[in-house]
N, C-alpha and C. Protein backbone atom coordinates (compact mmCIF):
# COMPACT_ATOMS: atom_id res chain seq x y z
N MET A 1 -28.21 54.75 1.45
CA MET A 1 -28.00 53.57 2.33
C MET A 1 -29.07 52.39 2.18
N THR A 2 -28.40 51.53 2.95
CA THR A 2 -28.84 50.00 2.21
C THR A 2 -29.67 50.15 3.36
N ASP A 3 -30.80 49.00 2.76
CA ASP A 3 -31.82 48.53 3.79
C ASP A 3 -31.10 48.01 5.03
N VAL A 4 -30.03 47.28 5.05
CA VAL A 4 -30.11 46.87 6.38
C VAL A 4 -29.36 47.74 7.35
N THR A 5 -28.56 48.76 6.88
CA THR A 5 -28.05 49.82 7.46
C THR A 5 -29.24 51.05 7.90
N ARG A 6 -30.22 51.05 7.16
CA ARG A 6 -31.47 51.49 7.81
C ARG A 6 -31.97 50.93 8.48
N ILE A 7 -31.93 49.81 8.77
CA ILE A 7 -32.56 48.79 9.68
C ILE A 7 -31.65 49.07 11.25
N LEU A 8 -30.42 48.97 10.60
CA LEU A 8 -29.92 48.95 12.08
C LEU A 8 -29.67 50.25 12.81
N ASN A 9 -29.77 51.36 12.38
CA ASN A 9 -30.32 52.14 12.48
C ASN A 9 -31.31 52.76 13.41
N ALA A 10 -32.47 51.96 13.14
CA ALA A 10 -33.87 51.83 13.61
C ALA A 10 -33.85 50.86 15.11
N ILE A 11 -32.98 49.81 15.05
CA ILE A 11 -32.98 49.22 15.85
C ILE A 11 -31.40 49.90 17.30
N GLU A 12 -30.75 50.51 16.55
CA GLU A 12 -30.34 51.51 17.64
C GLU A 12 -30.99 52.46 17.82
N ARG A 13 -32.25 53.05 17.68
CA ARG A 13 -33.03 53.87 18.34
C ARG A 13 -34.26 53.41 18.92
N GLY A 14 -34.31 51.87 19.12
CA GLY A 14 -34.98 51.42 19.77
C GLY A 14 -35.95 50.58 19.42
N ASP A 15 -36.28 51.14 18.22
CA ASP A 15 -37.31 50.19 17.60
C ASP A 15 -37.16 48.47 17.70
N ALA A 16 -38.07 47.77 18.37
CA ALA A 16 -38.18 46.39 18.61
C ALA A 16 -38.55 45.76 17.17
N LYS A 17 -39.44 46.42 16.43
CA LYS A 17 -39.81 45.51 15.19
C LYS A 17 -38.41 45.58 14.17
N ALA A 18 -38.00 46.42 14.22
CA ALA A 18 -36.29 46.33 13.16
C ALA A 18 -35.74 45.31 13.42
N THR A 19 -35.54 44.74 14.87
CA THR A 19 -34.80 43.26 14.86
C THR A 19 -35.57 42.46 14.18
N ASP A 20 -36.66 42.25 14.13
CA ASP A 20 -37.42 41.37 13.18
C ASP A 20 -36.88 41.66 11.46
N GLU A 21 -36.88 42.59 11.49
CA GLU A 21 -36.73 42.80 9.86
C GLU A 21 -35.44 42.52 9.51
N LEU A 22 -34.37 42.71 10.46
CA LEU A 22 -32.93 42.34 9.91
C LEU A 22 -32.83 41.18 9.94
N LEU A 23 -33.21 40.03 10.41
CA LEU A 23 -32.47 38.75 10.37
C LEU A 23 -33.13 38.09 9.12
N PRO A 24 -33.98 38.46 8.60
CA PRO A 24 -34.46 37.62 6.99
C PRO A 24 -33.70 38.41 5.99
N LEU A 25 -32.67 39.70 6.25
CA LEU A 25 -32.15 40.19 5.18
C LEU A 25 -30.34 39.62 5.19
N VAL A 26 -29.53 39.41 6.54
CA VAL A 26 -28.61 39.14 6.92
C VAL A 26 -28.22 37.75 7.05
N TYR A 27 -29.56 36.91 7.26
CA TYR A 27 -29.53 35.34 7.46
C TYR A 27 -28.79 34.27 7.12
N GLU A 28 -28.55 34.42 5.27
CA GLU A 28 -28.10 33.77 4.67
C GLU A 28 -26.97 34.21 4.29
N GLU A 29 -25.90 35.59 4.71
CA GLU A 29 -25.01 35.64 4.42
C GLU A 29 -24.24 35.48 5.61
N LEU A 30 -24.94 35.46 6.99
CA LEU A 30 -24.38 35.08 7.65
C LEU A 30 -23.88 33.36 8.16
N ARG A 31 -24.85 32.77 7.66
CA ARG A 31 -24.91 31.02 7.18
C ARG A 31 -23.86 30.63 6.26
N ILE A 32 -23.80 31.17 5.51
CA ILE A 32 -22.40 31.26 4.33
C ILE A 32 -21.36 31.55 5.20
N LEU A 33 -21.17 32.70 5.72
CA LEU A 33 -20.20 33.04 6.98
C LEU A 33 -19.70 31.67 7.82
N ALA A 34 -21.09 31.28 8.58
CA ALA A 34 -20.74 30.36 9.71
C ALA A 34 -20.19 28.91 8.84
N ALA A 35 -20.80 28.49 7.81
CA ALA A 35 -20.48 27.33 7.31
C ALA A 35 -19.00 27.16 6.71
N GLN A 36 -18.63 28.69 6.12
CA GLN A 36 -16.95 28.62 5.82
C GLN A 36 -16.12 28.33 7.04
N LYS A 37 -16.51 29.06 8.19
CA LYS A 37 -15.64 28.94 9.57
C LYS A 37 -15.87 27.58 9.86
N LEU A 38 -16.89 26.77 10.03
CA LEU A 38 -17.04 25.76 10.27
C LEU A 38 -16.59 24.49 9.34
N SER A 39 -16.57 25.00 8.31
CA SER A 39 -15.81 23.57 7.33
C SER A 39 -14.34 23.83 7.57
N HIS A 40 -13.74 24.63 8.38
CA HIS A 40 -12.17 24.99 9.05
C HIS A 40 -11.86 24.28 10.23
N GLU A 41 -13.13 23.51 10.88
CA GLU A 41 -13.08 22.77 12.09
C GLU A 41 -12.84 21.48 11.79
N PRO A 42 -12.03 20.77 12.72
CA PRO A 42 -11.40 19.79 12.65
C PRO A 42 -12.77 18.54 12.62
N PRO A 43 -12.39 17.28 11.88
CA PRO A 43 -13.51 16.25 11.89
C PRO A 43 -14.02 16.26 13.18
N GLY A 44 -15.55 15.74 13.25
CA GLY A 44 -16.06 15.53 14.51
C GLY A 44 -16.57 16.63 15.15
N GLN A 45 -16.42 17.73 14.48
CA GLN A 45 -17.45 19.18 14.80
C GLN A 45 -18.70 19.00 15.05
N THR A 46 -19.32 19.20 16.22
CA THR A 46 -20.52 19.05 16.49
C THR A 46 -21.41 20.63 16.23
N LEU A 47 -21.04 21.65 16.42
CA LEU A 47 -21.65 22.66 16.19
C LEU A 47 -21.82 23.19 14.71
N GLN A 48 -23.19 23.05 14.36
CA GLN A 48 -24.03 23.53 13.20
C GLN A 48 -23.81 25.31 12.74
N ALA A 49 -23.71 25.29 11.55
CA ALA A 49 -23.88 26.58 11.19
C ALA A 49 -25.60 27.09 11.36
N THR A 50 -26.31 26.73 11.69
CA THR A 50 -27.45 27.31 11.99
C THR A 50 -27.30 27.76 13.32
N ALA A 51 -26.80 26.95 13.94
CA ALA A 51 -26.29 27.23 15.62
C ALA A 51 -25.65 28.79 15.79
N LEU A 52 -24.24 28.32 14.70
CA LEU A 52 -23.56 29.42 15.09
C LEU A 52 -24.32 31.09 14.76
N VAL A 53 -24.99 30.83 13.45
CA VAL A 53 -25.47 31.99 13.30
C VAL A 53 -26.30 32.40 14.38
N HIS A 54 -27.27 31.67 14.93
CA HIS A 54 -28.28 32.08 15.99
C HIS A 54 -27.58 32.39 17.06
N GLU A 55 -26.61 31.47 17.55
CA GLU A 55 -26.07 32.49 18.70
C GLU A 55 -25.49 33.77 18.89
N ALA A 56 -24.50 34.00 17.40
CA ALA A 56 -24.17 35.34 17.10
C ALA A 56 -25.17 36.11 16.83
N TYR A 57 -26.25 36.30 16.28
CA TYR A 57 -27.29 36.94 15.73
C TYR A 57 -28.23 37.23 17.52
N ILE A 58 -27.84 36.48 18.42
CA ILE A 58 -28.41 36.90 19.56
C ILE A 58 -27.47 37.51 20.28
N ARG A 59 -26.58 37.43 20.16
CA ARG A 59 -25.63 38.23 21.02
C ARG A 59 -25.32 39.53 20.37
N LEU A 60 -25.48 40.02 18.81
CA LEU A 60 -25.76 41.00 18.17
C LEU A 60 -26.75 42.06 18.60
N VAL A 61 -27.96 41.31 18.61
CA VAL A 61 -29.41 42.06 18.72
C VAL A 61 -29.98 41.93 20.40
N GLY A 62 -29.02 41.37 20.80
CA GLY A 62 -29.69 41.22 22.18
C GLY A 62 -29.70 42.39 23.05
N ASP A 63 -29.82 42.60 24.77
CA ASP A 63 -30.32 42.91 25.85
C ASP A 63 -29.12 44.40 25.70
N GLU A 64 -27.86 43.79 25.01
CA GLU A 64 -27.11 45.38 25.11
C GLU A 64 -27.29 45.72 23.77
N SER A 65 -26.86 47.16 24.69
CA SER A 65 -27.32 48.40 23.09
C SER A 65 -26.06 48.20 22.43
N GLN A 66 -26.53 48.14 21.07
CA GLN A 66 -25.58 48.15 20.12
C GLN A 66 -25.49 50.03 19.01
N SER A 67 -24.60 49.69 18.49
CA SER A 67 -24.17 50.69 17.18
C SER A 67 -23.61 50.68 16.24
N TRP A 68 -24.41 50.55 14.96
CA TRP A 68 -23.30 50.34 13.70
C TRP A 68 -23.44 51.49 12.95
N ASP A 69 -22.52 51.53 12.49
CA ASP A 69 -22.38 52.78 11.52
C ASP A 69 -22.72 52.39 9.97
N SER A 70 -22.89 50.99 9.78
CA SER A 70 -22.72 50.86 8.58
C SER A 70 -23.10 48.88 8.57
N ARG A 71 -23.26 48.33 7.05
CA ARG A 71 -23.47 47.38 6.86
C ARG A 71 -22.16 46.20 7.22
N GLY A 72 -21.07 47.29 6.87
CA GLY A 72 -20.02 46.38 6.83
C GLY A 72 -19.44 46.33 8.64
N HIS A 73 -19.55 47.31 9.34
CA HIS A 73 -19.60 47.34 10.99
C HIS A 73 -20.41 45.93 11.27
N PHE A 74 -21.68 46.02 11.06
CA PHE A 74 -22.34 44.94 11.35
C PHE A 74 -21.80 43.84 10.85
N PHE A 75 -21.09 43.29 9.86
CA PHE A 75 -20.73 42.16 9.92
C PHE A 75 -19.16 41.84 10.31
N ALA A 76 -18.78 43.01 10.71
CA ALA A 76 -17.51 43.13 11.46
C ALA A 76 -17.79 42.59 13.14
N ALA A 77 -18.90 43.12 13.46
CA ALA A 77 -19.54 42.69 14.88
C ALA A 77 -19.53 41.47 14.68
N ALA A 78 -20.46 40.81 13.30
CA ALA A 78 -21.09 39.08 13.63
C ALA A 78 -19.54 38.39 13.28
N ALA A 79 -18.72 38.71 12.88
CA ALA A 79 -17.34 38.40 12.79
C ALA A 79 -16.52 37.95 14.20
N GLU A 80 -17.01 39.01 14.88
CA GLU A 80 -16.15 38.84 15.97
C GLU A 80 -17.09 37.96 17.25
N ALA A 81 -18.24 38.37 16.87
CA ALA A 81 -19.24 37.21 17.94
C ALA A 81 -18.77 35.94 17.43
N MET A 82 -18.66 35.43 16.48
CA MET A 82 -18.77 34.30 15.66
C MET A 82 -17.15 33.51 16.26
N ARG A 83 -16.19 34.60 16.37
CA ARG A 83 -15.12 34.33 16.74
C ARG A 83 -14.91 34.34 18.51
N ARG A 84 -15.58 34.48 19.08
CA ARG A 84 -15.96 34.65 20.50
C ARG A 84 -16.61 33.08 20.69
N ILE A 85 -17.57 32.66 20.35
CA ILE A 85 -18.24 31.71 20.25
C ILE A 85 -17.65 30.43 19.81
N LEU A 86 -16.58 30.45 18.54
CA LEU A 86 -15.77 29.16 18.35
C LEU A 86 -14.57 28.90 19.43
N VAL A 87 -14.51 30.31 19.75
CA VAL A 87 -12.93 30.02 20.78
C VAL A 87 -14.00 29.19 22.33
N GLU A 88 -15.21 29.99 22.45
CA GLU A 88 -15.53 29.30 23.74
C GLU A 88 -15.75 27.71 23.57
N TYR A 89 -16.62 27.56 22.42
CA TYR A 89 -17.01 26.15 22.10
C TYR A 89 -15.65 25.33 22.17
N THR A 90 -14.62 25.85 21.48
CA THR A 90 -13.32 24.91 21.51
C THR A 90 -12.64 24.66 23.08
N ARG A 91 -13.32 25.91 23.93
CA ARG A 91 -12.37 25.58 24.74
C ARG A 91 -13.11 24.99 26.03
N ARG A 92 -14.62 24.47 25.71
CA ARG A 92 -15.47 23.78 26.39
C ARG A 92 -14.88 22.33 25.86
N LYS A 93 -14.77 22.26 24.68
CA LYS A 93 -14.19 20.67 24.10
C LYS A 93 -13.19 20.38 24.64
N ARG A 94 -12.33 21.26 24.89
CA ARG A 94 -10.74 20.81 25.24
C ARG A 94 -10.63 20.41 26.59
N SER A 95 -11.65 21.35 27.59
CA SER A 95 -11.40 20.90 29.13
C SER A 95 -10.93 19.56 29.35
N LEU A 96 -10.26 19.56 30.42
CA LEU A 96 -10.35 17.95 31.04
C LEU A 96 -11.06 17.17 31.27
N LYS A 97 -12.21 18.02 31.73
CA LYS A 97 -13.64 17.43 32.02
C LYS A 97 -14.24 16.90 31.23
N GLN A 98 -14.26 17.66 30.17
CA GLN A 98 -14.83 16.78 28.72
C GLN A 98 -13.76 15.95 27.85
N GLY A 99 -12.83 15.38 28.29
CA GLY A 99 -11.88 14.90 27.48
C GLY A 99 -11.26 15.45 26.61
N GLY A 100 -10.42 16.76 26.94
CA GLY A 100 -9.90 17.53 26.04
C GLY A 100 -8.50 16.93 25.52
N ALA A 101 -7.43 18.09 25.94
CA ALA A 101 -6.13 17.69 26.25
C ALA A 101 -5.40 17.43 24.94
N LYS A 102 -5.93 18.59 24.02
CA LYS A 102 -5.13 18.52 22.74
C LYS A 102 -3.63 19.25 22.73
N HIS A 103 -3.11 18.95 21.63
CA HIS A 103 -1.68 19.44 21.87
C HIS A 103 -1.77 20.77 20.74
N ARG A 104 -1.04 21.47 20.77
CA ARG A 104 -1.11 22.65 19.39
C ARG A 104 -0.05 22.49 18.27
N VAL A 105 -0.51 22.71 17.31
CA VAL A 105 -0.45 22.65 16.02
C VAL A 105 0.35 23.91 15.35
N GLU A 106 1.48 23.64 15.07
CA GLU A 106 2.45 25.07 14.37
C GLU A 106 1.94 25.16 13.15
N ILE A 107 1.72 26.41 12.77
CA ILE A 107 1.18 27.04 11.39
C ILE A 107 2.21 27.03 10.56
N ASP A 108 1.97 26.55 9.10
CA ASP A 108 2.80 27.04 7.96
C ASP A 108 2.93 28.93 8.19
N GLU A 109 4.42 29.39 7.49
CA GLU A 109 4.43 30.59 7.74
C GLU A 109 3.88 31.04 6.71
N ALA A 110 3.18 30.26 5.51
CA ALA A 110 2.84 31.41 4.47
C ALA A 110 1.61 31.63 4.64
N ASP A 111 0.59 31.02 5.59
CA ASP A 111 -1.01 30.56 5.43
C ASP A 111 -1.00 30.99 7.22
N LEU A 112 -1.89 31.80 7.94
CA LEU A 112 -2.16 31.74 8.81
C LEU A 112 -3.86 31.67 9.02
N ALA A 113 -4.46 30.55 9.24
CA ALA A 113 -5.51 30.44 9.70
C ALA A 113 -6.15 30.20 8.58
N VAL A 114 -6.52 30.99 6.89
CA VAL A 114 -7.66 31.26 6.53
C VAL A 114 -8.29 29.96 6.08
N ASP A 115 -7.64 28.88 5.79
CA ASP A 115 -8.01 27.82 5.03
C ASP A 115 -7.05 26.70 6.04
N ASP A 116 -7.14 26.67 7.02
CA ASP A 116 -6.20 25.68 7.89
C ASP A 116 -6.81 25.03 9.07
N PRO A 117 -7.47 23.58 8.54
CA PRO A 117 -8.39 23.48 9.88
C PRO A 117 -7.81 23.16 11.09
N SER A 118 -6.31 23.02 10.90
CA SER A 118 -5.67 22.70 11.94
C SER A 118 -5.00 23.66 13.02
N VAL A 119 -5.70 24.77 12.65
CA VAL A 119 -5.21 25.93 13.92
C VAL A 119 -5.62 25.96 14.80
N ASP A 120 -4.63 26.06 16.13
CA ASP A 120 -5.31 26.14 17.44
C ASP A 120 -6.09 27.36 17.75
N LEU A 121 -7.41 27.32 17.44
CA LEU A 121 -8.27 28.67 17.93
C LEU A 121 -7.91 29.44 19.20
N ILE A 122 -7.40 28.67 20.28
CA ILE A 122 -7.24 28.71 21.92
C ILE A 122 -6.13 29.94 21.44
N ALA A 123 -4.95 29.49 21.04
CA ALA A 123 -3.26 29.88 20.91
C ALA A 123 -4.03 31.47 19.64
N LEU A 124 -4.42 30.71 18.68
CA LEU A 124 -4.76 31.87 17.91
C LEU A 124 -5.80 33.10 18.52
N ASP A 125 -6.50 32.75 19.36
CA ASP A 125 -7.24 33.88 19.78
C ASP A 125 -6.37 34.74 20.97
N GLU A 126 -5.28 33.86 21.57
CA GLU A 126 -4.54 34.40 23.05
C GLU A 126 -3.47 35.58 22.08
N ALA A 127 -3.02 35.02 20.71
CA ALA A 127 -2.30 35.85 20.07
C ALA A 127 -2.98 37.07 19.62
N LEU A 128 -3.90 36.76 19.10
CA LEU A 128 -4.79 38.04 18.52
C LEU A 128 -5.05 39.17 19.74
N THR A 129 -5.37 38.75 20.90
CA THR A 129 -5.44 39.73 21.92
C THR A 129 -4.56 40.36 22.30
N ARG A 130 -3.22 39.74 22.23
CA ARG A 130 -1.90 40.43 22.26
C ARG A 130 -1.94 41.33 21.14
N LEU A 131 -2.00 40.97 19.79
CA LEU A 131 -2.20 41.80 18.52
C LEU A 131 -2.82 43.15 19.03
N ALA A 132 -4.05 42.83 19.27
CA ALA A 132 -4.99 44.00 19.72
C ALA A 132 -4.52 45.20 20.59
N GLU A 133 -3.61 44.67 21.78
CA GLU A 133 -3.37 45.61 22.72
C GLU A 133 -2.38 46.27 21.55
N LYS A 134 -1.31 46.11 20.87
CA LYS A 134 -0.32 46.46 20.03
C LYS A 134 -0.55 47.01 18.98
N ASP A 135 -1.83 46.64 18.31
CA ASP A 135 -2.40 47.78 17.09
C ASP A 135 -4.02 46.80 17.04
N ALA A 136 -4.90 47.49 17.50
CA ALA A 136 -6.22 47.03 17.05
C ALA A 136 -6.49 47.22 15.72
N GLN A 137 -6.25 48.20 14.74
CA GLN A 137 -6.74 47.92 13.40
C GLN A 137 -6.15 46.60 12.98
N LEU A 138 -4.96 46.28 12.91
CA LEU A 138 -4.27 45.02 12.65
C LEU A 138 -5.17 43.89 13.06
N ALA A 139 -5.67 43.95 14.06
CA ALA A 139 -6.38 42.77 15.03
C ALA A 139 -7.68 42.76 13.90
N GLU A 140 -8.30 44.10 13.92
CA GLU A 140 -9.44 43.99 13.21
C GLU A 140 -9.25 43.65 11.80
N LEU A 141 -8.24 43.60 11.16
CA LEU A 141 -8.07 43.00 9.92
C LEU A 141 -8.22 41.77 9.90
N VAL A 142 -7.54 41.11 10.90
CA VAL A 142 -7.53 39.90 11.35
C VAL A 142 -8.72 38.79 11.30
N LYS A 143 -9.38 39.76 12.23
CA LYS A 143 -10.68 39.09 12.61
C LYS A 143 -11.53 39.23 11.11
N LEU A 144 -11.27 40.55 10.66
CA LEU A 144 -12.50 40.51 9.16
C LEU A 144 -11.97 39.38 8.11
N ARG A 145 -10.62 38.79 8.28
CA ARG A 145 -10.23 38.02 6.97
C ARG A 145 -10.86 36.46 7.63
N TYR A 146 -10.27 36.38 9.16
CA TYR A 146 -10.19 34.64 9.09
C TYR A 146 -11.65 34.84 10.13
N PHE A 147 -12.40 35.21 10.69
CA PHE A 147 -13.57 35.13 11.26
C PHE A 147 -14.79 35.27 10.20
N ALA A 148 -14.63 36.40 9.49
CA ALA A 148 -15.65 37.01 8.87
C ALA A 148 -15.01 36.39 6.94
N GLY A 149 -14.38 35.98 6.85
CA GLY A 149 -14.21 35.39 5.77
C GLY A 149 -14.07 36.70 4.17
N LEU A 150 -13.68 37.85 4.77
CA LEU A 150 -14.16 38.73 3.64
C LEU A 150 -12.52 38.98 3.06
N GLY A 151 -12.68 39.12 2.05
CA GLY A 151 -11.46 39.76 1.03
C GLY A 151 -10.64 40.79 1.57
N LEU A 152 -9.66 40.54 1.13
CA LEU A 152 -8.82 42.22 0.89
C LEU A 152 -9.49 43.34 0.74
N GLU A 153 -10.01 43.45 -0.34
CA GLU A 153 -10.90 44.34 -0.74
C GLU A 153 -11.80 44.63 -0.12
N GLN A 154 -12.77 43.68 0.18
CA GLN A 154 -13.78 44.23 1.47
C GLN A 154 -13.20 44.39 2.82
N VAL A 155 -12.29 44.20 3.15
CA VAL A 155 -11.31 44.41 4.55
C VAL A 155 -10.85 45.94 4.13
N ALA A 156 -10.44 46.44 2.84
CA ALA A 156 -9.78 47.66 3.01
C ALA A 156 -10.94 48.89 3.36
N GLN A 157 -12.33 48.53 2.42
CA GLN A 157 -13.29 48.98 2.02
C GLN A 157 -13.73 49.56 3.43
N ILE A 158 -13.96 48.46 4.28
CA ILE A 158 -14.65 48.40 5.72
C ILE A 158 -13.36 49.79 6.37
N GLN A 159 -12.13 49.27 6.32
CA GLN A 159 -11.11 49.80 7.34
C GLN A 159 -10.93 51.28 6.80
N GLY A 160 -11.08 51.86 5.84
CA GLY A 160 -10.85 52.57 5.14
C GLY A 160 -9.50 53.21 4.36
N ILE A 161 -8.92 52.07 4.23
CA ILE A 161 -7.54 51.87 3.48
C ILE A 161 -7.57 51.66 2.45
N THR A 162 -6.19 51.66 1.77
CA THR A 162 -5.99 51.48 0.11
C THR A 162 -5.97 49.64 0.49
N ARG A 163 -6.52 48.97 -0.70
CA ARG A 163 -6.13 47.67 -0.88
C ARG A 163 -4.28 47.00 -0.75
N ARG A 164 -3.76 48.05 -1.18
CA ARG A 164 -2.44 47.80 -0.99
C ARG A 164 -1.63 47.67 0.63
N THR A 165 -2.53 48.62 1.07
CA THR A 165 -2.33 48.91 2.59
C THR A 165 -3.00 47.74 3.47
N ALA A 166 -3.77 47.22 3.01
CA ALA A 166 -4.51 45.86 3.59
C ALA A 166 -3.82 44.92 3.32
N THR A 167 -3.34 44.80 2.37
CA THR A 167 -2.11 43.69 1.63
C THR A 167 -1.02 43.68 2.57
N SER A 168 -0.33 44.29 2.80
CA SER A 168 0.96 44.64 3.64
C SER A 168 0.33 44.72 5.39
N HIS A 169 -0.68 45.25 5.58
CA HIS A 169 -0.75 44.96 7.00
C HIS A 169 -1.18 43.43 6.98
N TRP A 170 -2.08 42.68 6.35
CA TRP A 170 -2.19 41.18 6.28
C TRP A 170 -0.79 40.34 6.56
N ALA A 171 0.13 40.80 5.43
CA ALA A 171 1.35 40.31 5.56
C ALA A 171 2.10 40.06 7.07
N TYR A 172 1.97 41.36 7.45
CA TYR A 172 2.59 41.99 8.65
C TYR A 172 1.83 40.84 9.74
N ALA A 173 0.57 41.03 9.86
CA ALA A 173 -0.38 40.55 11.19
C ALA A 173 -0.24 39.02 10.81
N ARG A 174 0.16 38.17 9.91
CA ARG A 174 0.51 37.00 9.62
C ARG A 174 1.24 36.56 10.35
N ALA A 175 2.55 37.15 9.86
CA ALA A 175 3.77 37.21 10.52
C ALA A 175 4.17 37.35 11.89
N TRP A 176 3.58 38.23 12.36
CA TRP A 176 3.39 38.36 13.67
C TRP A 176 2.83 37.39 14.59
N LEU A 177 1.58 36.83 14.01
CA LEU A 177 0.81 35.92 14.62
C LEU A 177 1.29 34.87 14.63
N HIS A 178 2.13 34.38 13.73
CA HIS A 178 2.72 32.90 13.76
C HIS A 178 4.07 33.30 14.49
N ARG A 179 4.58 34.12 14.71
CA ARG A 179 5.79 34.20 15.46
C ARG A 179 5.13 33.99 17.13
N ILE A 180 4.34 34.75 17.48
CA ILE A 180 3.76 34.80 18.96
C ILE A 180 3.31 33.24 18.87
N MET A 181 2.79 32.68 18.20
CA MET A 181 1.79 31.29 18.19
C MET A 181 3.08 30.13 18.39
N ALA A 182 4.30 30.45 17.23
CA ALA A 182 5.55 29.88 17.75
C ALA A 182 5.77 29.41 19.05
N GLU A 183 5.73 30.92 19.87
CA GLU A 183 6.96 31.17 21.02
C GLU A 183 5.69 30.29 22.17
N GLY A 184 4.87 30.56 21.64
CA GLY A 184 3.54 29.89 22.96
C GLY A 184 3.47 28.27 22.99
N SER A 185 4.12 27.91 21.96
CA SER A 185 3.77 26.45 21.52
C SER A 185 5.33 25.82 22.39
N GLU A 186 6.23 26.55 22.55
CA GLU A 186 7.57 25.81 23.00
C GLU A 186 7.65 25.79 24.47
């Protein structure tokens, strides 16, 4: 059992001091993850990696009772928290009251979001929500790849599937999301 898993178990049992121990152990990884995600944002982005990490961390260890099975589960939850924060931030920036009103940008068939700064996060979030209704495991795989920046090997390990299965699921999810996002922009 890793130190992170041990501390996560202590937090789950209600040990308030464990929360203070967790941040130093995961901060740098969360900061790298946040910086990767923010580097894909369009120019003029005002959200900083530090702010994204802190907001995600607060959501993860805040007042709500959390339960993490492992270090991988924690980082999957962190990826989901960052996804929600980025989508909320994008929605706020686009609101007409704030001068938003940007148009959707189609993505290349070969690439879903991983390295594409022009991806419409709102459209991706809506498509991802629809995918989760259809197949929660595929949606989780996309979150881990896109929002957590994990490789297929890491995703396979977290999901308990083979690398080959993760690769085929990733290809299917990319194609499915591309189709849904293309339909939405018409």
